[in-house]
Amino acid sequence: MRHRKHGLQLGRTTGPRQALAAGLVCHLIEEKRIRTTLSKAKLAQRLAEKVVTLAKRGQLADRRRAVVLLRRKPCVKRLFEEIVPRCPATSGHVRILKLGPRRSDSSEMA
């Protein structure tokens, strides 16, 4: 039974899954948009919302927590100094737009 099982595993163990999410969010911070599969986009959206919330508080402990989650100091610096001051006060900073199926294997892209 799947009671109380939540989260996306993407066929990976914990470490590679966290590294994938961190890489997607860092790329999102650098390029302001990414093109990936729908399931990976949902995973990245969760982490991106958490990191933006940390950046809004903006204290040293929040910055350190963001470095632990994203694993790249330049991305965290750009997030705290450039991106968050432009964000609105409410939540919902990352939006997923569906792009349709991929040609090669019909994976849903976003």
C-alpha atoms as a PDB file:
ATOM      1  CA  MET A   1       0.000   0.000   0.000  1.00  0.00           C
ATOM      2  CA  ARG A   2       1.164   3.526  -0.746  1.00  0.00           C
ATOM      3  CA  HIS A   3      -0.235   5.248   2.320  1.00  0.00           C
ATOM      4  CA  ARG A   4       1.641   8.435   3.230  1.00  0.00           C
ATOM      5  CA  LYS A   5       4.112   8.026   0.391  1.00  0.00           C
ATOM      6  CA  HIS A   6       4.657  11.355  -1.293  1.00  0.00           C
ATOM      7  CA  GLY A   7       7.354  12.935  -3.390  1.00  0.00           C
ATOM      8  CA  LEU A   8       8.902  12.194  -6.738  1.00  0.00           C
ATOM      9  CA  GLN A   9      11.661   9.584  -6.872  1.00  0.00           C
ATOM     10  CA  LEU A  10      12.423   9.693 -10.608  1.00  0.00           C
ATOM     11  CA  GLY A  11      14.075   6.275 -10.458  1.00  0.00           C
ATOM     12  CA  ARG A  12      16.998   7.632  -8.411  1.00  0.00           C
ATOM     13  CA  THR A  13      18.285   7.292  -4.903  1.00  0.00           C
ATOM     14  CA  THR A  14      18.320  10.293  -2.566  1.00  0.00           C
ATOM     15  CA  GLY A  15      21.738  11.757  -3.386  1.00  0.00           C
ATOM     16  CA  PRO A  16      21.445  11.808  -7.178  1.00  0.00           C
ATOM     17  CA  ARG A  17      17.858  13.067  -6.934  1.00  0.00           C
ATOM     18  CA  GLN A  18      18.896  15.987  -4.712  1.00  0.00           C
ATOM     19  CA  ALA A  19      21.807  16.780  -7.035  1.00  0.00           C
ATOM     20  CA  LEU A  20      19.462  16.758 -10.028  1.00  0.00           C
ATOM     21  CA  ALA A  21      17.034  19.123  -8.298  1.00  0.00           C
ATOM     22  CA  ALA A  22      19.852  21.462  -7.236  1.00  0.00           C
ATOM     23  CA  GLY A  23      21.232  21.524 -10.777  1.00  0.00           C
ATOM     24  CA  LEU A  24      17.831  22.293 -12.268  1.00  0.00           C
ATOM     25  CA  VAL A  25      17.198  25.128  -9.810  1.00  0.00           C
ATOM     26  CA  CYS A  26      20.676  26.611 -10.361  1.00  0.00           C
ATOM     27  CA  HIS A  27      20.107  26.521 -14.101  1.00  0.00           C
ATOM     28  CA  LEU A  28      16.723  28.148 -13.534  1.00  0.00           C
ATOM     29  CA  ILE A  29      18.386  30.928 -11.522  1.00  0.00           C
ATOM     30  CA  GLU A  30      21.034  31.482 -14.198  1.00  0.00           C
ATOM     31  CA  GLU A  31      18.874  31.235 -17.333  1.00  0.00           C
ATOM     32  CA  LYS A  32      15.470  32.244 -15.846  1.00  0.00           C
ATOM     33  CA  ARG A  33      13.797  29.299 -17.609  1.00  0.00           C
ATOM     34  CA  ILE A  34      14.460  25.631 -18.220  1.00  0.00           C
ATOM     35  CA  ARG A  35      13.025  23.019 -20.561  1.00  0.00           C
ATOM     36  CA  THR A  36      12.720  19.591 -18.985  1.00  0.00           C
ATOM     37  CA  THR A  37      10.226  16.791 -18.423  1.00  0.00           C
ATOM     38  CA  LEU A  38       7.114  17.527 -16.409  1.00  0.00           C
ATOM     39  CA  SER A  39       8.093  15.354 -13.446  1.00  0.00           C
ATOM     40  CA  LYS A  40      11.545  16.957 -13.167  1.00  0.00           C
ATOM     41  CA  ALA A  41       9.937  20.396 -13.444  1.00  0.00           C
ATOM     42  CA  LYS A  42       7.653  19.589 -10.508  1.00  0.00           C
ATOM     43  CA  LEU A  43      10.657  18.469  -8.472  1.00  0.00           C
ATOM     44  CA  ALA A  44      12.565  21.655  -9.340  1.00  0.00           C
ATOM     45  CA  GLN A  45       9.540  23.824  -8.559  1.00  0.00           C
ATOM     46  CA  ARG A  46       9.349  22.530  -4.998  1.00  0.00           C
ATOM     47  CA  LEU A  47      13.002  23.249  -4.287  1.00  0.00           C
ATOM     48  CA  ALA A  48      12.919  26.621  -6.040  1.00  0.00           C
ATOM     49  CA  GLU A  49       9.968  27.789  -3.936  1.00  0.00           C
ATOM     50  CA  LYS A  50      11.761  26.725  -0.750  1.00  0.00           C
ATOM     51  CA  VAL A  51      14.948  28.545  -1.728  1.00  0.00           C
ATOM     52  CA  VAL A  52      13.087  31.724  -2.722  1.00  0.00           C
ATOM     53  CA  THR A  53      11.333  31.694   0.646  1.00  0.00           C
ATOM     54  CA  LEU A  54      14.715  31.415   2.364  1.00  0.00           C
ATOM     55  CA  ALA A  55      16.054  34.279   0.270  1.00  0.00           C
ATOM     56  CA  LYS A  56      13.113  36.499   1.169  1.00  0.00           C
ATOM     57  CA  ARG A  57      14.014  36.257   4.848  1.00  0.00           C
ATOM     58  CA  GLY A  58      17.593  37.023   3.862  1.00  0.00           C
ATOM     59  CA  GLN A  59      19.460  36.285   7.074  1.00  0.00           C
ATOM     60  CA  LEU A  60      22.860  34.626   7.260  1.00  0.00           C
ATOM     61  CA  ALA A  61      21.416  31.305   8.409  1.00  0.00           C
ATOM     62  CA  ASP A  62      19.010  31.354   5.451  1.00  0.00           C
ATOM     63  CA  ARG A  63      21.872  32.014   3.048  1.00  0.00           C
ATOM     64  CA  ARG A  64      23.840  29.102   4.503  1.00  0.00           C
ATOM     65  CA  ARG A  65      20.822  26.821   4.249  1.00  0.00           C
ATOM     66  CA  ALA A  66      20.403  27.817   0.597  1.00  0.00           C
ATOM     67  CA  VAL A  67      24.068  26.995  -0.088  1.00  0.00           C
ATOM     68  CA  VAL A  68      23.508  23.534   1.403  1.00  0.00           C
ATOM     69  CA  LEU A  69      20.444  22.981  -0.783  1.00  0.00           C
ATOM     70  CA  LEU A  70      21.810  24.386  -4.068  1.00  0.00           C
ATOM     71  CA  ARG A  71      25.500  23.463  -3.674  1.00  0.00           C
ATOM     72  CA  ARG A  72      26.726  26.542  -5.635  1.00  0.00           C
ATOM     73  CA  LYS A  73      27.615  29.817  -3.940  1.00  0.00           C
ATOM     74  CA  PRO A  74      27.367  32.004  -7.086  1.00  0.00           C
ATOM     75  CA  CYS A  75      23.770  30.850  -7.661  1.00  0.00           C
ATOM     76  CA  VAL A  76      22.846  31.633  -4.074  1.00  0.00           C
ATOM     77  CA  LYS A  77      24.485  35.052  -4.299  1.00  0.00           C
ATOM     78  CA  ARG A  78      22.588  35.893  -7.474  1.00  0.00           C
ATOM     79  CA  LEU A  79      19.332  34.640  -5.961  1.00  0.00           C
ATOM     80  CA  PHE A  80      19.684  36.732  -2.808  1.00  0.00           C
ATOM     81  CA  GLU A  81      20.969  39.916  -4.477  1.00  0.00           C
ATOM     82  CA  GLU A  82      19.277  40.085  -7.892  1.00  0.00           C
ATOM     83  CA  ILE A  83      16.246  37.829  -8.165  1.00  0.00           C
ATOM     84  CA  VAL A  84      14.476  38.072  -4.811  1.00  0.00           C
ATOM     85  CA  PRO A  85      14.265  41.893  -4.687  1.00  0.00           C
ATOM     86  CA  ARG A  86      12.206  41.716  -7.915  1.00  0.00           C
ATOM     87  CA  CYS A  87       9.842  38.992  -6.638  1.00  0.00           C
ATOM     88  CA  PRO A  88       6.350  39.884  -5.415  1.00  0.00           C
ATOM     89  CA  ALA A  89       5.492  39.442  -1.763  1.00  0.00           C
ATOM     90  CA  THR A  90       3.186  36.464  -2.294  1.00  0.00           C
ATOM     91  CA  SER A  91       4.155  32.897  -3.106  1.00  0.00           C
ATOM     92  CA  GLY A  92       4.027  31.150  -6.468  1.00  0.00           C
ATOM     93  CA  HIS A  93       7.245  32.456  -7.964  1.00  0.00           C
ATOM     94  CA  VAL A  94       7.912  29.484 -10.244  1.00  0.00           C
ATOM     95  CA  ARG A  95       5.384  28.599 -12.897  1.00  0.00           C
ATOM     96  CA  ILE A  96       5.289  25.392 -14.941  1.00  0.00           C
ATOM     97  CA  LEU A  97       4.090  25.722 -18.531  1.00  0.00           C
ATOM     98  CA  LYS A  98       3.348  22.506 -20.388  1.00  0.00           C
ATOM     99  CA  LEU A  99       4.927  22.319 -23.845  1.00  0.00           C
ATOM    100  CA  GLY A 100       3.497  19.062 -25.149  1.00  0.00           C
ATOM    101  CA  PRO A 101       5.175  15.711 -25.812  1.00  0.00           C
ATOM    102  CA  ARG A 102       8.802  15.315 -26.826  1.00  0.00           C
ATOM    103  CA  ARG A 103       9.256  13.929 -30.335  1.00  0.00           C
ATOM    104  CA  SER A 104      11.618  11.084 -29.555  1.00  0.00           C
ATOM    105  CA  ASP A 105       9.846   9.331 -26.696  1.00  0.00           C
ATOM    106  CA  SER A 106       6.616  11.317 -26.153  1.00  0.00           C
ATOM    107  CA  SER A 107       7.612  12.434 -22.663  1.00  0.00           C
ATOM    108  CA  GLU A 108       5.541  15.364 -21.457  1.00  0.00           C
ATOM    109  CA  MET A 109       7.734  18.481 -21.549  1.00  0.00           C
ATOM    110  CA  ALA A 110       7.414  21.595 -19.450  1.00  0.00           C
END
